[in-house]
Amino acid sequence: TALDNIRIGAHSRFGGNFVGDALRLRGSRHT
């Protein structure tokens, strides 16, 4: 979707962490 395309662009602002993203830890949820 248009919204998901825009969200992908925003992800470059934040350092990803596979474990945190997969488990939706607090830091990942805030991001």
PDB file of all heavy atoms in Angstrom:
ATOM      1  N   THR A   1       0.836  -1.201   0.000  1.00  0.00           N
ATOM      2  CA  THR A   1       0.000   0.000   0.000  1.00  0.00           C
ATOM      3  C   THR A   1       0.870   1.250   0.000  1.00  0.00           C
ATOM      4  O   THR A   1       2.075   1.217   0.299  1.00  0.00           O
ATOM      5  CB  THR A   1      -0.902   0.038   1.233  1.00  0.00           C
ATOM      6  OG1 THR A   1      -0.083   0.190   2.407  1.00  0.00           O
ATOM      7  CG2 THR A   1      -1.745  -1.218   1.341  1.00  0.00           C
ATOM      8  N   ALA A   2       0.240   2.368  -0.321  1.00  0.00           N
ATOM      9  CA  ALA A   2       0.947   3.649  -0.275  1.00  0.00           C
ATOM     10  C   ALA A   2       1.506   3.891   1.121  1.00  0.00           C
ATOM     11  O   ALA A   2       2.657   4.314   1.285  1.00  0.00           O
ATOM     12  CB  ALA A   2      -0.003   4.776  -0.674  1.00  0.00           C
ATOM     13  N   LEU A   3       0.702   3.616   2.149  1.00  0.00           N
ATOM     14  CA  LEU A   3       1.146   3.841   3.522  1.00  0.00           C
ATOM     15  C   LEU A   3       2.349   2.976   3.870  1.00  0.00           C
ATOM     16  O   LEU A   3       3.313   3.451   4.489  1.00  0.00           O
ATOM     17  CB  LEU A   3      -0.003   3.559   4.494  1.00  0.00           C
ATOM     18  CG  LEU A   3       0.315   3.743   5.983  1.00  0.00           C
ATOM     19  CD1 LEU A   3       0.740   5.182   6.277  1.00  0.00           C
ATOM     20  CD2 LEU A   3      -0.889   3.355   6.837  1.00  0.00           C
ATOM     21  N   ASP A   4       2.327   1.709   3.474  1.00  0.00           N
ATOM     22  CA  ASP A   4       3.450   0.825   3.791  1.00  0.00           C
ATOM     23  C   ASP A   4       4.725   1.261   3.055  1.00  0.00           C
ATOM     24  O   ASP A   4       5.826   1.131   3.586  1.00  0.00           O
ATOM     25  CB  ASP A   4       3.103  -0.622   3.448  1.00  0.00           C
ATOM     26  CG  ASP A   4       2.208  -1.265   4.488  1.00  0.00           C
ATOM     27  OD1 ASP A   4       2.162  -0.748   5.621  1.00  0.00           O
ATOM     28  OD2 ASP A   4       1.552  -2.276   4.174  1.00  0.00           O
ATOM     29  N   ASN A   5       4.588   1.767   1.834  1.00  0.00           N
ATOM     30  CA  ASN A   5       5.749   2.294   1.132  1.00  0.00           C
ATOM     31  C   ASN A   5       6.374   3.450   1.904  1.00  0.00           C
ATOM     32  O   ASN A   5       7.594   3.540   2.028  1.00  0.00           O
ATOM     33  CB  ASN A   5       5.352   2.766  -0.272  1.00  0.00           C
ATOM     34  CG  ASN A   5       5.501   1.689  -1.323  1.00  0.00           C
ATOM     35  OD1 ASN A   5       6.563   1.527  -1.904  1.00  0.00           O
ATOM     36  ND2 ASN A   5       4.424   0.938  -1.541  1.00  0.00           N
ATOM     37  N   ILE A   6       5.538   4.318   2.436  1.00  0.00           N
ATOM     38  CA  ILE A   6       6.042   5.464   3.193  1.00  0.00           C
ATOM     39  C   ILE A   6       6.691   4.992   4.492  1.00  0.00           C
ATOM     40  O   ILE A   6       7.743   5.506   4.904  1.00  0.00           O
ATOM     41  CB  ILE A   6       4.904   6.467   3.466  1.00  0.00           C
ATOM     42  CG1 ILE A   6       4.322   6.974   2.138  1.00  0.00           C
ATOM     43  CG2 ILE A   6       5.410   7.636   4.302  1.00  0.00           C
ATOM     44  CD1 ILE A   6       3.039   7.760   2.290  1.00  0.00           C
ATOM     45  N   ARG A   7       6.091   4.010   5.143  1.00  0.00           N
ATOM     46  CA  ARG A   7       6.661   3.478   6.384  1.00  0.00           C
ATOM     47  C   ARG A   7       8.039   2.865   6.136  1.00  0.00           C
ATOM     48  O   ARG A   7       8.933   2.990   6.974  1.00  0.00           O
ATOM     49  CB  ARG A   7       5.725   2.436   6.998  1.00  0.00           C
ATOM     50  CG  ARG A   7       4.403   3.015   7.496  1.00  0.00           C
ATOM     51  CD  ARG A   7       3.511   1.966   8.125  1.00  0.00           C
ATOM     52  NE  ARG A   7       3.936   1.702   9.502  1.00  0.00           N
ATOM     53  CZ  ARG A   7       4.600   0.632   9.895  1.00  0.00           C
ATOM     54  NH1 ARG A   7       4.953  -0.295   9.016  1.00  0.00           N
ATOM     55  NH2 ARG A   7       4.931   0.474  11.153  1.00  0.00           N
ATOM     56  N   ILE A   8       8.215   2.219   4.990  1.00  0.00           N
ATOM     57  CA  ILE A   8       9.526   1.658   4.656  1.00  0.00           C
ATOM     58  C   ILE A   8      10.570   2.767   4.590  1.00  0.00           C
ATOM     59  O   ILE A   8      11.700   2.614   5.074  1.00  0.00           O
ATOM     60  CB  ILE A   8       9.448   0.890   3.320  1.00  0.00           C
ATOM     61  CG1 ILE A   8       8.704  -0.429   3.526  1.00  0.00           C
ATOM     62  CG2 ILE A   8      10.843   0.628   2.748  1.00  0.00           C
ATOM     63  CD1 ILE A   8       8.384  -1.162   2.242  1.00  0.00           C
ATOM     64  N   GLY A   9      10.205   3.909   4.009  1.00  0.00           N
ATOM     65  CA  GLY A   9      11.127   5.033   3.956  1.00  0.00           C
ATOM     66  C   GLY A   9      11.516   5.523   5.343  1.00  0.00           C
ATOM     67  O   GLY A   9      12.669   5.905   5.581  1.00  0.00           O
ATOM     68  N   ALA A  10      10.572   5.490   6.281  1.00  0.00           N
ATOM     69  CA  ALA A  10      10.849   5.964   7.632  1.00  0.00           C
ATOM     70  C   ALA A  10      11.774   5.033   8.399  1.00  0.00           C
ATOM     71  O   ALA A  10      12.475   5.460   9.326  1.00  0.00           O
ATOM     72  CB  ALA A  10       9.543   6.150   8.403  1.00  0.00           C
ATOM     73  N   HIS A  11      11.817   3.753   8.033  1.00  0.00           N
ATOM     74  CA  HIS A  11      12.640   2.790   8.755  1.00  0.00           C
ATOM     75  C   HIS A  11      14.127   3.134   8.702  1.00  0.00           C
ATOM     76  O   HIS A  11      14.885   2.764   9.602  1.00  0.00           O
ATOM     77  CB  HIS A  11      12.410   1.377   8.206  1.00  0.00           C
ATOM     78  CG  HIS A  11      11.345   0.618   8.929  1.00  0.00           C
ATOM     79  ND1 HIS A  11      11.563  -0.012  10.138  1.00  0.00           N
ATOM     80  CD2 HIS A  11      10.031   0.418   8.623  1.00  0.00           C
ATOM     81  CE1 HIS A  11      10.442  -0.579  10.536  1.00  0.00           C
ATOM     82  NE2 HIS A  11       9.501  -0.341   9.638  1.00  0.00           N
ATOM     83  N   SER A  12      14.563   3.842   7.655  1.00  0.00           N
ATOM     84  CA  SER A  12      15.986   4.178   7.547  1.00  0.00           C
ATOM     85  C   SER A  12      16.435   5.153   8.624  1.00  0.00           C
ATOM     86  O   SER A  12      17.634   5.350   8.828  1.00  0.00           O
ATOM     87  CB  SER A  12      16.281   4.756   6.162  1.00  0.00           C
ATOM     88  OG  SER A  12      15.600   5.988   5.984  1.00  0.00           O
ATOM     89  N   ARG A  13      15.481   5.770   9.317  1.00  0.00           N
ATOM     90  CA  ARG A  13      15.831   6.696  10.402  1.00  0.00           C
ATOM     91  C   ARG A  13      16.283   5.966  11.657  1.00  0.00           C
ATOM     92  O   ARG A  13      16.908   6.554  12.534  1.00  0.00           O
ATOM     93  CB  ARG A  13      14.616   7.560  10.769  1.00  0.00           C
ATOM     94  CG  ARG A  13      14.193   8.560   9.739  1.00  0.00           C
ATOM     95  CD  ARG A  13      15.147   9.719   9.656  1.00  0.00           C
ATOM     96  NE  ARG A  13      15.305  10.387  10.942  1.00  0.00           N
ATOM     97  CZ  ARG A  13      16.173  11.368  11.162  1.00  0.00           C
ATOM     98  NH1 ARG A  13      16.967  11.769  10.189  1.00  0.00           N
ATOM     99  NH2 ARG A  13      16.259  11.939  12.342  1.00  0.00           N
ATOM    100  N   PHE A  14      15.963   4.675  11.751  1.00  0.00           N
ATOM    101  CA  PHE A  14      16.160   3.962  13.009  1.00  0.00           C
ATOM    102  C   PHE A  14      17.011   2.716  12.793  1.00  0.00           C
ATOM    103  O   PHE A  14      16.878   2.030  11.787  1.00  0.00           O
ATOM    104  CB  PHE A  14      14.801   3.549  13.597  1.00  0.00           C
ATOM    105  CG  PHE A  14      13.842   4.689  13.735  1.00  0.00           C
ATOM    106  CD1 PHE A  14      12.926   4.976  12.727  1.00  0.00           C
ATOM    107  CD2 PHE A  14      13.869   5.502  14.856  1.00  0.00           C
ATOM    108  CE1 PHE A  14      12.049   6.035  12.841  1.00  0.00           C
ATOM    109  CE2 PHE A  14      12.993   6.564  14.978  1.00  0.00           C
ATOM    110  CZ  PHE A  14      12.076   6.837  13.968  1.00  0.00           C
ATOM    111  N   GLY A  15      17.874   2.438  13.732  1.00  0.00           N
ATOM    112  CA  GLY A  15      18.677   1.223  13.660  1.00  0.00           C
ATOM    113  C   GLY A  15      17.822   0.010  13.998  1.00  0.00           C
ATOM    114  O   GLY A  15      17.199  -0.046  15.056  1.00  0.00           O
ATOM    115  N   GLY A  16      17.770  -0.948  13.090  1.00  0.00           N
ATOM    116  CA  GLY A  16      16.952  -2.127  13.320  1.00  0.00           C
ATOM    117  C   GLY A  16      17.665  -3.161  14.177  1.00  0.00           C
ATOM    118  O   GLY A  16      18.884  -3.233  14.217  1.00  0.00           O
ATOM    119  N   ASN A  17      16.879  -3.965  14.870  1.00  0.00           N
ATOM    120  CA  ASN A  17      17.398  -5.069  15.665  1.00  0.00           C
ATOM    121  C   ASN A  17      16.475  -6.256  15.427  1.00  0.00           C
ATOM    122  O   ASN A  17      15.299  -6.213  15.778  1.00  0.00           O
ATOM    123  CB  ASN A  17      17.409  -4.691  17.161  1.00  0.00           C
ATOM    124  CG  ASN A  17      17.914  -5.820  18.027  1.00  0.00           C
ATOM    125  OD1 ASN A  17      17.244  -6.823  18.201  1.00  0.00           O
ATOM    126  ND2 ASN A  17      19.095  -5.626  18.598  1.00  0.00           N
ATOM    127  N   PHE A  18      16.998  -7.305  14.808  1.00  0.00           N
ATOM    128  CA  PHE A  18      16.141  -8.411  14.379  1.00  0.00           C
ATOM    129  C   PHE A  18      15.373  -9.020  15.553  1.00  0.00           C
ATOM    130  O   PHE A  18      14.171  -9.248  15.488  1.00  0.00           O
ATOM    131  CB  PHE A  18      16.973  -9.490  13.679  1.00  0.00           C
ATOM    132  CG  PHE A  18      16.169 -10.688  13.288  1.00  0.00           C
ATOM    133  CD1 PHE A  18      15.357 -10.657  12.164  1.00  0.00           C
ATOM    134  CD2 PHE A  18      16.205 -11.851  14.058  1.00  0.00           C
ATOM    135  CE1 PHE A  18      14.604 -11.768  11.801  1.00  0.00           C
ATOM    136  CE2 PHE A  18      15.454 -12.955  13.697  1.00  0.00           C
ATOM    137  CZ  PHE A  18      14.657 -12.905  12.566  1.00  0.00           C
ATOM    138  N   VAL A  19      16.082  -9.296  16.672  1.00  0.00           N
ATOM    139  CA  VAL A  19      15.431  -9.930  17.819  1.00  0.00           C
ATOM    140  C   VAL A  19      14.370  -9.013  18.403  1.00  0.00           C
ATOM    141  O   VAL A  19      13.232  -9.421  18.675  1.00  0.00           O
ATOM    142  CB  VAL A  19      16.472 -10.311  18.884  1.00  0.00           C
ATOM    143  CG1 VAL A  19      15.775 -10.837  20.136  1.00  0.00           C
ATOM    144  CG2 VAL A  19      17.451 -11.344  18.332  1.00  0.00           C
ATOM    145  N   GLY A  20      14.731  -7.739  18.570  1.00  0.00           N
ATOM    146  CA  GLY A  20      13.774  -6.798  19.141  1.00  0.00           C
ATOM    147  C   GLY A  20      12.560  -6.609  18.267  1.00  0.00           C
ATOM    148  O   GLY A  20      11.415  -6.558  18.754  1.00  0.00           O
ATOM    149  N   ASP A  21      12.779  -6.529  16.927  1.00  0.00           N
ATOM    150  CA  ASP A  21      11.653  -6.361  16.014  1.00  0.00           C
ATOM    151  C   ASP A  21      10.772  -7.609  16.012  1.00  0.00           C
ATOM    152  O   ASP A  21       9.543  -7.519  15.999  1.00  0.00           O
ATOM    153  CB  ASP A  21      12.161  -6.086  14.595  1.00  0.00           C
ATOM    154  CG  ASP A  21      12.829  -4.717  14.482  1.00  0.00           C
ATOM    155  OD1 ASP A  21      12.655  -3.903  15.398  1.00  0.00           O
ATOM    156  OD2 ASP A  21      13.533  -4.483  13.470  1.00  0.00           O
ATOM    157  N   ALA A  22      11.402  -8.792  16.018  1.00  0.00           N
ATOM    158  CA  ALA A  22      10.636 -10.033  15.959  1.00  0.00           C
ATOM    159  C   ALA A  22       9.789 -10.226  17.214  1.00  0.00           C
ATOM    160  O   ALA A  22       8.643 -10.683  17.143  1.00  0.00           O
ATOM    161  CB  ALA A  22      11.581 -11.219  15.769  1.00  0.00           C
ATOM    162  N   LEU A  23      10.351  -9.882  18.363  1.00  0.00           N
ATOM    163  CA  LEU A  23       9.639 -10.075  19.627  1.00  0.00           C
ATOM    164  C   LEU A  23       8.831  -8.862  20.044  1.00  0.00           C
ATOM    165  O   LEU A  23       8.144  -8.888  21.069  1.00  0.00           O
ATOM    166  CB  LEU A  23      10.652 -10.424  20.738  1.00  0.00           C
ATOM    167  CG  LEU A  23      11.451 -11.714  20.533  1.00  0.00           C
ATOM    168  CD1 LEU A  23      12.436 -11.918  21.680  1.00  0.00           C
ATOM    169  CD2 LEU A  23      10.511 -12.920  20.415  1.00  0.00           C
ATOM    170  N   ARG A  24       8.930  -7.778  19.226  1.00  0.00           N
ATOM    171  CA  ARG A  24       8.222  -6.537  19.523  1.00  0.00           C
ATOM    172  C   ARG A  24       8.509  -6.073  20.949  1.00  0.00           C
ATOM    173  O   ARG A  24       7.598  -5.824  21.754  1.00  0.00           O
ATOM    174  CB  ARG A  24       6.711  -6.691  19.287  1.00  0.00           C
ATOM    175  CG  ARG A  24       6.367  -6.964  17.826  1.00  0.00           C
ATOM    176  CD  ARG A  24       4.882  -6.873  17.576  1.00  0.00           C
ATOM    177  NE  ARG A  24       4.330  -5.552  17.883  1.00  0.00           N
ATOM    178  CZ  ARG A  24       4.425  -4.514  17.075  1.00  0.00           C
ATOM    179  NH1 ARG A  24       5.094  -4.600  15.940  1.00  0.00           N
ATOM    180  NH2 ARG A  24       3.889  -3.368  17.412  1.00  0.00           N
ATOM    181  N   LEU A  25       9.793  -5.984  21.271  1.00  0.00           N
ATOM    182  CA  LEU A  25      10.199  -5.478  22.565  1.00  0.00           C
ATOM    183  C   LEU A  25       9.886  -3.990  22.674  1.00  0.00           C
ATOM    184  O   LEU A  25       9.528  -3.336  21.704  1.00  0.00           O
ATOM    185  CB  LEU A  25      11.696  -5.746  22.773  1.00  0.00           C
ATOM    186  CG  LEU A  25      12.104  -7.231  22.741  1.00  0.00           C
ATOM    187  CD1 LEU A  25      13.601  -7.365  22.968  1.00  0.00           C
ATOM    188  CD2 LEU A  25      11.314  -8.044  23.768  1.00  0.00           C
ATOM    189  N   ARG A  26      10.062  -3.452  23.899  1.00  0.00           N
ATOM    190  CA  ARG A  26       9.624  -2.085  24.171  1.00  0.00           C
ATOM    191  C   ARG A  26      10.244  -1.080  23.204  1.00  0.00           C
ATOM    192  O   ARG A  26       9.553  -0.225  22.651  1.00  0.00           O
ATOM    193  CB  ARG A  26       9.956  -1.703  25.611  1.00  0.00           C
ATOM    194  CG  ARG A  26       9.535  -0.279  25.953  1.00  0.00           C
ATOM    195  CD  ARG A  26       9.852   0.055  27.393  1.00  0.00           C
ATOM    196  NE  ARG A  26       9.143  -0.847  28.308  1.00  0.00           N
ATOM    197  CZ  ARG A  26       9.303  -0.814  29.629  1.00  0.00           C
ATOM    198  NH1 ARG A  26      10.173   0.034  30.178  1.00  0.00           N
ATOM    199  NH2 ARG A  26       8.632  -1.641  30.400  1.00  0.00           N
ATOM    200  N   GLY A  27      11.546  -1.193  22.979  1.00  0.00           N
ATOM    201  CA  GLY A  27      12.209  -0.258  22.080  1.00  0.00           C
ATOM    202  C   GLY A  27      11.671  -0.353  20.668  1.00  0.00           C
ATOM    203  O   GLY A  27      11.487   0.655  19.986  1.00  0.00           O
ATOM    204  N   SER A  28      11.398  -1.583  20.220  1.00  0.00           N
ATOM    205  CA  SER A  28      10.855  -1.786  18.886  1.00  0.00           C
ATOM    206  C   SER A  28       9.453  -1.185  18.769  1.00  0.00           C
ATOM    207  O   SER A  28       9.113  -0.564  17.762  1.00  0.00           O
ATOM    208  CB  SER A  28      10.821  -3.279  18.552  1.00  0.00           C
ATOM    209  OG  SER A  28      10.216  -3.501  17.318  1.00  0.00           O
ATOM    210  N   ARG A  29       8.644  -1.353  19.796  1.00  0.00           N
ATOM    211  CA  ARG A  29       7.284  -0.795  19.755  1.00  0.00           C
ATOM    212  C   ARG A  29       7.324   0.729  19.704  1.00  0.00           C
ATOM    213  O   ARG A  29       6.524   1.355  19.002  1.00  0.00           O
ATOM    214  CB  ARG A  29       6.492  -1.275  20.971  1.00  0.00           C
ATOM    215  CG  ARG A  29       6.207  -2.786  20.975  1.00  0.00           C
ATOM    216  CD  ARG A  29       5.094  -3.129  21.950  1.00  0.00           C
ATOM    217  NE  ARG A  29       5.410  -2.735  23.318  1.00  0.00           N
ATOM    218  CZ  ARG A  29       6.042  -3.505  24.196  1.00  0.00           C
ATOM    219  NH1 ARG A  29       6.442  -4.723  23.842  1.00  0.00           N
ATOM    220  NH2 ARG A  29       6.272  -3.085  25.423  1.00  0.00           N
ATOM    221  N   HIS A  30       8.255   1.329  20.454  1.00  0.00           N
ATOM    222  CA  HIS A  30       8.398   2.781  20.432  1.00  0.00           C
ATOM    223  C   HIS A  30       8.800   3.258  19.038  1.00  0.00           C
ATOM    224  O   HIS A  30       8.265   4.249  18.527  1.00  0.00           O
ATOM    225  CB  HIS A  30       9.429   3.221  21.472  1.00  0.00           C
ATOM    226  CG  HIS A  30       9.707   4.695  21.455  1.00  0.00           C
ATOM    227  ND1 HIS A  30       8.800   5.620  21.921  1.00  0.00           N
ATOM    228  CD2 HIS A  30      10.782   5.410  20.999  1.00  0.00           C
ATOM    229  CE1 HIS A  30       9.296   6.840  21.772  1.00  0.00           C
ATOM    230  NE2 HIS A  30      10.497   6.725  21.212  1.00  0.00           N
ATOM    231  N   THR A  31       9.729   2.530  18.404  1.00  0.00           N
ATOM    232  CA  THR A  31      10.157   2.878  17.055  1.00  0.00           C
ATOM    233  C   THR A  31       8.989   2.804  16.085  1.00  0.00           C
ATOM    234  O   THR A  31       8.811   3.685  15.234  1.00  0.00           O
ATOM    235  CB  THR A  31      11.285   1.930  16.587  1.00  0.00           C
ATOM    236  OG1 THR A  31      12.431   2.125  17.412  1.00  0.00           O
ATOM    237  CG2 THR A  31      11.656   2.186  15.132  1.00  0.00           C
TER     238      THR A  31
END
